[in-house]
Amino acid sequence: MKYAIDAQKLTKKFKNKTAVNAIDLRVAKGSIYGFLGPNGAGKSTTVKMLVTLQTPTTGDAKILGKSITINAEEVRLTIGAALQEASLDNMQTGRELLQTQGSLYGLSSVEINIRISELEGLIDIGEALDDLIKTYSGGMKRRVDLAAALIHNPSVLFLDEPTTGLDPASRNKIWTEIKKLNIDYGMTIFLTTQYLEEADELADVIGIINNGKIVAEDSPENLKKQIGNDVIIVELKSVLKDTKKLEKITGVTSVKQQDKTLSIYAKNGGAVISEIVSILRDMNTSIL
């Protein structure tokens, strides 16, 4: 199985608003996928569907070959998730939280203690693991929540903006822990973030979502080359079969296609728009 995550036409609608609009994405096993976008772009809604907390309106996704709509219970046993809204009981100690989480996954007391011992070094909390969570700093809460997501040794880990609001030192610690999980344990990690530098530091591939659609997807290196360019978004009535003519336009640096949406990167967008429209018309392609 090549992909740990394989989503097709994944869509979530809330009354009159489409939060996630028929996105396709694939995440290779053992990789880190950075999911980048501003607040309200659809990042968290996508994650909640992938971890089975929300049911897609249409479309589906498979996690390690298991459907999030048909095999939700099996999916939950193979994934870990540290979401923005960490449900931590302030009157528990960190150790009690991990013991409770382990028991929910059916681990024995012996297995839980072994996993806690393994995770202590990873999350770097030390003796504070036996202190009440209400005494923890924001960074410590993030790390113990990460440990809770890892207690059952999941194959795929979802992290929803894990460093938002943290100071630079705490952020760097989280980055180190994420790298360690990926390199040392071969864990597939799906990371949502608002920070380009975070995705650049950690991800093998970055997908950029805006208004519920993935508007670009590439390696951090290739995406950085496009920064500073103008981006022309074109909505088509049908999928374009070939983008080579657009790519040959002088000043166009790259063309990305996601379903019926074209993202055209150019050094000077205004100078190439008319040629783009002309080529699309010559190809009998209708623009919405």
Protein backbone atom coordinates (compact mmCIF):
# COMPACT_ATOMS: atom_id res chain seq x y z
CA MET A 1 0.00 0.00 0.00
CA LYS A 2 1.63 3.22 -1.22
CA TYR A 3 -0.59 5.79 0.48
CA ALA A 4 -1.38 6.10 4.17
CA ILE A 5 -4.12 8.64 3.37
CA ASP A 6 -6.11 8.67 0.14
CA ALA A 7 -9.01 11.15 -0.01
CA GLN A 8 -11.28 11.55 -3.02
CA LYS A 9 -13.79 14.35 -3.53
CA LEU A 10 -13.95 14.90 0.23
CA THR A 11 -16.65 17.47 0.94
CA LYS A 12 -18.22 18.99 4.05
CA LYS A 13 -21.16 21.38 3.95
CA PHE A 14 -22.75 23.25 6.86
CA LYS A 15 -26.18 24.62 5.86
CA ASN A 16 -25.33 27.19 3.17
CA LYS A 17 -21.55 27.05 3.59
CA THR A 18 -19.18 24.58 1.94
CA ALA A 19 -16.22 24.28 4.32
CA VAL A 20 -14.36 21.64 2.30
CA ASN A 21 -15.07 21.45 -1.41
CA ALA A 22 -14.42 18.10 -3.14
CA ILE A 23 -10.73 17.87 -2.33
CA ASP A 24 -8.42 15.08 -3.42
CA LEU A 25 -5.23 14.39 -1.52
CA ARG A 26 -2.80 11.53 -1.12
CA VAL A 27 -0.17 11.14 1.59
CA ALA A 28 2.61 8.62 1.09
CA LYS A 29 3.32 6.17 3.90
CA GLY A 30 6.13 7.30 6.16
CA SER A 31 5.99 10.93 5.02
CA ILE A 32 5.07 14.25 6.62
CA TYR A 33 2.33 16.15 4.82
CA GLY A 34 1.99 19.84 5.64
CA PHE A 35 -1.54 21.21 5.25
CA LEU A 36 -1.23 24.98 5.06
CA GLY A 37 -3.86 27.70 4.99
CA PRO A 38 -5.32 30.71 6.82
CA ASN A 39 -7.98 30.55 9.53
CA GLY A 40 -11.28 29.39 8.11
CA ALA A 41 -9.72 27.81 5.02
CA GLY A 42 -10.99 24.31 5.84
CA LYS A 43 -7.93 22.76 7.51
CA SER A 44 -9.50 21.68 10.79
CA THR A 45 -12.72 20.49 9.12
CA THR A 46 -10.64 18.29 6.82
CA VAL A 47 -8.78 16.79 9.77
CA LYS A 48 -11.98 16.16 11.72
CA MET A 49 -13.34 14.18 8.78
CA LEU A 50 -10.11 12.21 8.37
CA VAL A 51 -10.07 11.25 12.06
CA THR A 52 -13.80 10.31 11.91
CA LEU A 53 -15.04 13.08 14.22
CA GLN A 54 -17.19 14.48 11.40
CA THR A 55 -18.92 12.60 8.59
CA PRO A 56 -18.28 13.87 5.06
CA THR A 57 -21.28 15.30 3.22
CA THR A 58 -19.98 13.55 0.10
CA GLY A 59 -16.76 11.80 -0.88
CA ASP A 60 -14.62 9.49 1.19
CA ALA A 61 -11.07 8.87 2.35
CA LYS A 62 -9.11 5.77 3.20
CA ILE A 63 -6.61 5.57 6.03
CA LEU A 64 -4.28 2.62 5.44
CA GLY A 65 -6.92 1.17 3.15
CA LYS A 66 -9.83 1.59 5.60
CA SER A 67 -12.75 3.89 4.72
CA ILE A 68 -13.49 6.70 7.17
CA THR A 69 -17.21 6.29 6.45
CA ILE A 70 -17.51 2.49 6.37
CA ASN A 71 -14.71 1.40 8.73
CA ALA A 72 -14.60 4.35 11.15
CA GLU A 73 -13.95 2.21 14.25
CA GLU A 74 -11.03 0.40 12.61
CA VAL A 75 -9.61 3.72 11.43
CA ARG A 76 -9.69 5.13 14.97
CA LEU A 77 -7.60 2.23 16.25
CA THR A 78 -4.80 2.89 13.78
CA ILE A 79 -4.52 6.68 14.10
CA GLY A 80 -3.54 9.20 16.74
CA ALA A 81 -4.83 12.77 16.85
CA ALA A 82 -3.75 15.87 18.75
CA LEU A 83 -6.29 18.52 17.81
CA GLN A 84 -6.52 22.22 18.61
CA GLU A 85 -9.16 21.69 21.27
CA ALA A 86 -7.17 19.41 23.57
CA SER A 87 -9.60 17.74 25.97
CA LEU A 88 -7.33 17.66 29.02
CA ASP A 89 -8.67 17.20 32.54
CA ASN A 90 -6.84 19.78 34.64
CA MET A 91 -7.44 17.73 37.79
CA GLN A 92 -5.58 14.71 36.40
CA THR A 93 -1.83 14.31 36.42
CA GLY A 94 -0.09 13.81 33.11
CA ARG A 95 0.50 10.17 34.01
CA GLU A 96 -3.17 9.61 34.86
CA LEU A 97 -4.17 11.11 31.50
CA LEU A 98 -1.89 8.69 29.65
CA GLN A 99 -3.12 5.73 31.71
CA THR A 100 -6.74 6.63 30.93
CA GLN A 101 -5.99 7.04 27.24
CA GLY A 102 -4.16 3.71 27.12
CA SER A 103 -7.03 1.87 28.78
CA LEU A 104 -9.47 3.31 26.20
CA TYR A 105 -7.41 1.62 23.51
CA GLY A 106 -7.52 -1.68 25.36
CA LEU A 107 -3.91 -1.71 26.56
CA SER A 108 -3.09 -3.66 29.71
CA SER A 109 -1.56 -1.94 32.75
CA VAL A 110 1.82 -3.46 31.89
CA GLU A 111 1.59 -2.27 28.28
CA ILE A 112 0.56 1.21 29.39
CA ASN A 113 3.50 1.53 31.78
CA ILE A 114 5.91 0.39 29.07
CA ARG A 115 4.51 2.95 26.63
CA ILE A 116 4.66 5.75 29.21
CA SER A 117 8.31 4.92 29.87
CA GLU A 118 9.01 5.10 26.14
CA LEU A 119 7.14 8.38 25.77
CA GLU A 120 8.68 10.14 28.77
CA GLY A 121 11.89 10.80 26.89
CA LEU A 122 10.06 11.82 23.76
CA ILE A 123 7.84 14.48 25.35
CA ASP A 124 10.54 15.73 27.77
CA ILE A 125 8.29 16.56 30.72
CA GLY A 126 10.32 14.78 33.38
CA GLU A 127 8.99 14.68 36.95
CA ALA A 128 6.15 17.02 35.96
CA LEU A 129 4.39 13.97 34.53
CA ASP A 130 3.11 13.35 38.07
CA ASP A 131 1.95 16.94 38.58
CA LEU A 132 -1.59 18.13 37.92
CA ILE A 133 -2.15 19.25 34.34
CA LYS A 134 -3.51 22.59 35.60
CA THR A 135 0.06 23.46 36.63
CA TYR A 136 1.46 22.86 33.12
CA SER A 137 2.57 25.57 30.73
CA GLY A 138 1.01 25.75 27.27
CA GLY A 139 3.97 23.91 25.77
CA MET A 140 3.79 21.13 28.36
CA LYS A 141 0.07 20.68 27.71
CA ARG A 142 0.75 20.35 23.99
CA ARG A 143 3.43 17.74 24.63
CA VAL A 144 1.36 15.62 27.02
CA ASP A 145 -1.55 15.80 24.56
CA LEU A 146 0.85 14.56 21.88
CA ALA A 147 1.89 11.70 24.16
CA ALA A 148 -1.77 10.77 24.69
CA ALA A 149 -2.20 10.59 20.91
CA LEU A 150 0.81 8.26 20.73
CA ILE A 151 0.04 5.94 23.65
CA HIS A 152 -1.25 3.14 21.39
CA ASN A 153 1.62 3.52 18.91
CA PRO A 154 -0.50 4.64 15.92
CA SER A 155 0.61 4.23 12.32
CA VAL A 156 -0.75 7.65 11.25
CA LEU A 157 -0.63 10.78 13.41
CA PHE A 158 -2.78 13.89 12.85
CA LEU A 159 -1.55 17.15 14.35
CA ASP A 160 -3.85 20.16 14.05
CA GLU A 161 -1.82 23.36 14.44
CA PRO A 162 0.33 21.86 17.23
CA THR A 163 2.44 24.99 17.82
CA THR A 164 -0.12 27.80 17.54
CA GLY A 165 0.36 30.24 20.42
CA LEU A 166 3.61 28.70 21.65
CA ASP A 167 6.83 30.61 22.25
CA PRO A 168 9.79 29.90 19.89
CA ALA A 169 11.53 27.54 22.34
CA SER A 170 8.42 25.41 22.85
CA ARG A 171 7.75 25.42 19.13
CA ASN A 172 11.25 24.13 18.40
CA LYS A 173 10.78 21.30 20.92
CA ILE A 174 7.56 20.23 19.20
CA TRP A 175 9.33 20.35 15.82
CA THR A 176 12.11 18.12 17.17
CA GLU A 177 9.58 15.62 18.52
CA ILE A 178 7.67 15.50 15.22
CA LYS A 179 10.88 14.83 13.27
CA LYS A 180 11.86 12.11 15.71
CA LEU A 181 8.52 10.33 15.33
CA ASN A 182 8.82 10.39 11.57
CA ILE A 183 12.50 9.45 11.26
CA ASP A 184 12.88 7.00 14.15
CA TYR A 185 9.47 5.32 13.99
CA GLY A 186 8.50 5.74 10.34
CA MET A 187 5.22 7.33 11.39
CA THR A 188 3.09 9.06 8.76
CA ILE A 189 2.21 12.56 9.97
CA PHE A 190 -0.51 14.88 8.70
CA LEU A 191 0.27 18.36 10.02
CA THR A 192 -1.98 21.39 9.68
CA THR A 193 -0.42 24.78 10.23
CA GLN A 194 -0.78 28.49 9.51
CA TYR A 195 2.99 28.91 9.38
CA LEU A 196 4.86 28.47 6.09
CA GLU A 197 8.17 28.18 7.96
CA GLU A 198 6.79 25.29 10.00
CA ALA A 199 5.61 23.40 6.93
CA ASP A 200 8.93 24.17 5.23
CA GLU A 201 10.88 22.84 8.23
CA LEU A 202 8.94 19.60 8.62
CA ALA A 203 6.99 18.56 5.53
CA ASP A 204 7.96 16.45 2.53
CA VAL A 205 4.94 17.75 0.63
CA ILE A 206 2.79 20.83 1.31
CA GLY A 207 -0.84 21.24 0.29
CA ILE A 208 -2.31 24.75 0.44
CA ILE A 209 -6.05 25.05 1.07
CA ASN A 210 -8.11 28.19 0.67
CA ASN A 211 -11.89 28.57 0.75
CA GLY A 212 -12.26 24.83 1.03
CA LYS A 213 -10.20 23.97 -2.06
CA ILE A 214 -6.61 22.82 -2.44
CA VAL A 215 -5.08 25.52 -4.62
CA ALA A 216 -1.47 24.24 -4.70
CA GLU A 217 0.46 21.13 -3.76
CA ASP A 218 4.18 20.53 -4.12
CA SER A 219 7.45 20.12 -2.27
CA PRO A 220 8.45 23.01 0.04
CA GLU A 221 11.34 23.85 -2.29
CA ASN A 222 9.13 24.18 -5.35
CA LEU A 223 6.47 26.16 -3.49
CA LYS A 224 9.07 28.61 -2.19
CA LYS A 225 10.15 29.29 -5.76
CA GLN A 226 6.59 30.35 -6.50
CA ILE A 227 6.40 32.80 -3.60
CA GLY A 228 6.63 36.32 -4.92
CA ASN A 229 4.92 35.31 -8.15
CA ASP A 230 1.39 36.32 -8.95
CA VAL A 231 -1.15 33.51 -8.72
CA ILE A 232 -4.04 33.46 -11.18
CA ILE A 233 -6.90 31.16 -10.15
CA VAL A 234 -9.13 30.01 -13.01
CA GLU A 235 -12.34 28.02 -12.46
CA LEU A 236 -13.26 25.88 -15.46
CA LYS A 237 -16.47 24.10 -16.42
CA SER A 238 -14.53 20.90 -17.16
CA VAL A 239 -11.13 19.41 -16.37
CA LEU A 240 -8.34 20.60 -18.68
CA LYS A 241 -6.63 17.60 -20.28
CA ASP A 242 -3.32 19.32 -21.07
CA THR A 243 -1.67 22.38 -19.50
CA LYS A 244 1.50 22.42 -21.66
CA LYS A 245 0.40 25.41 -23.77
CA LEU A 246 -0.19 27.46 -20.64
CA GLU A 247 3.17 26.43 -19.18
CA LYS A 248 4.94 27.71 -22.34
CA ILE A 249 3.60 31.26 -21.93
CA THR A 250 6.50 33.65 -21.36
CA GLY A 251 6.47 34.71 -17.70
CA VAL A 252 4.47 31.71 -16.45
CA THR A 253 6.57 29.73 -13.97
CA SER A 254 4.21 26.82 -13.28
CA VAL A 255 0.64 25.58 -13.67
CA LYS A 256 -1.14 23.40 -11.11
CA GLN A 257 -4.51 21.75 -11.67
CA GLN A 258 -6.83 20.49 -8.93
CA ASP A 259 -9.97 19.06 -10.50
CA LYS A 260 -11.52 22.03 -12.38
CA THR A 261 -9.36 24.68 -10.70
CA LEU A 262 -6.20 26.01 -12.35
CA SER A 263 -3.53 27.82 -10.33
CA ILE A 264 -1.22 29.65 -12.73
CA TYR A 265 1.95 31.18 -11.27
CA ALA A 266 3.48 34.10 -13.19
CA LYS A 267 6.08 36.80 -12.62
CA ASN A 268 3.61 39.42 -13.79
CA GLY A 269 0.03 38.18 -13.72
CA GLY A 270 -1.44 41.20 -15.49
CA ALA A 271 0.86 40.70 -18.49
CA VAL A 272 -0.22 37.12 -19.16
CA ILE A 273 -3.95 37.08 -18.38
CA SER A 274 -5.07 37.89 -21.91
CA GLU A 275 -2.86 35.15 -23.38
CA ILE A 276 -4.18 32.64 -20.83
CA VAL A 277 -7.78 33.45 -21.77
CA SER A 278 -6.93 33.25 -25.48
CA ILE A 279 -5.30 29.82 -25.14
CA LEU A 280 -8.16 28.44 -23.07
CA ARG A 281 -10.66 29.65 -25.70
CA ASP A 282 -8.59 28.06 -28.48
CA MET A 283 -8.76 24.80 -26.52
CA ASN A 284 -12.58 25.13 -26.36
CA THR A 285 -12.38 25.33 -22.57
CA SER A 286 -15.11 27.32 -20.82
CA ILE A 287 -14.30 29.58 -17.87
CA LEU A 288 -16.88 29.93 -15.10
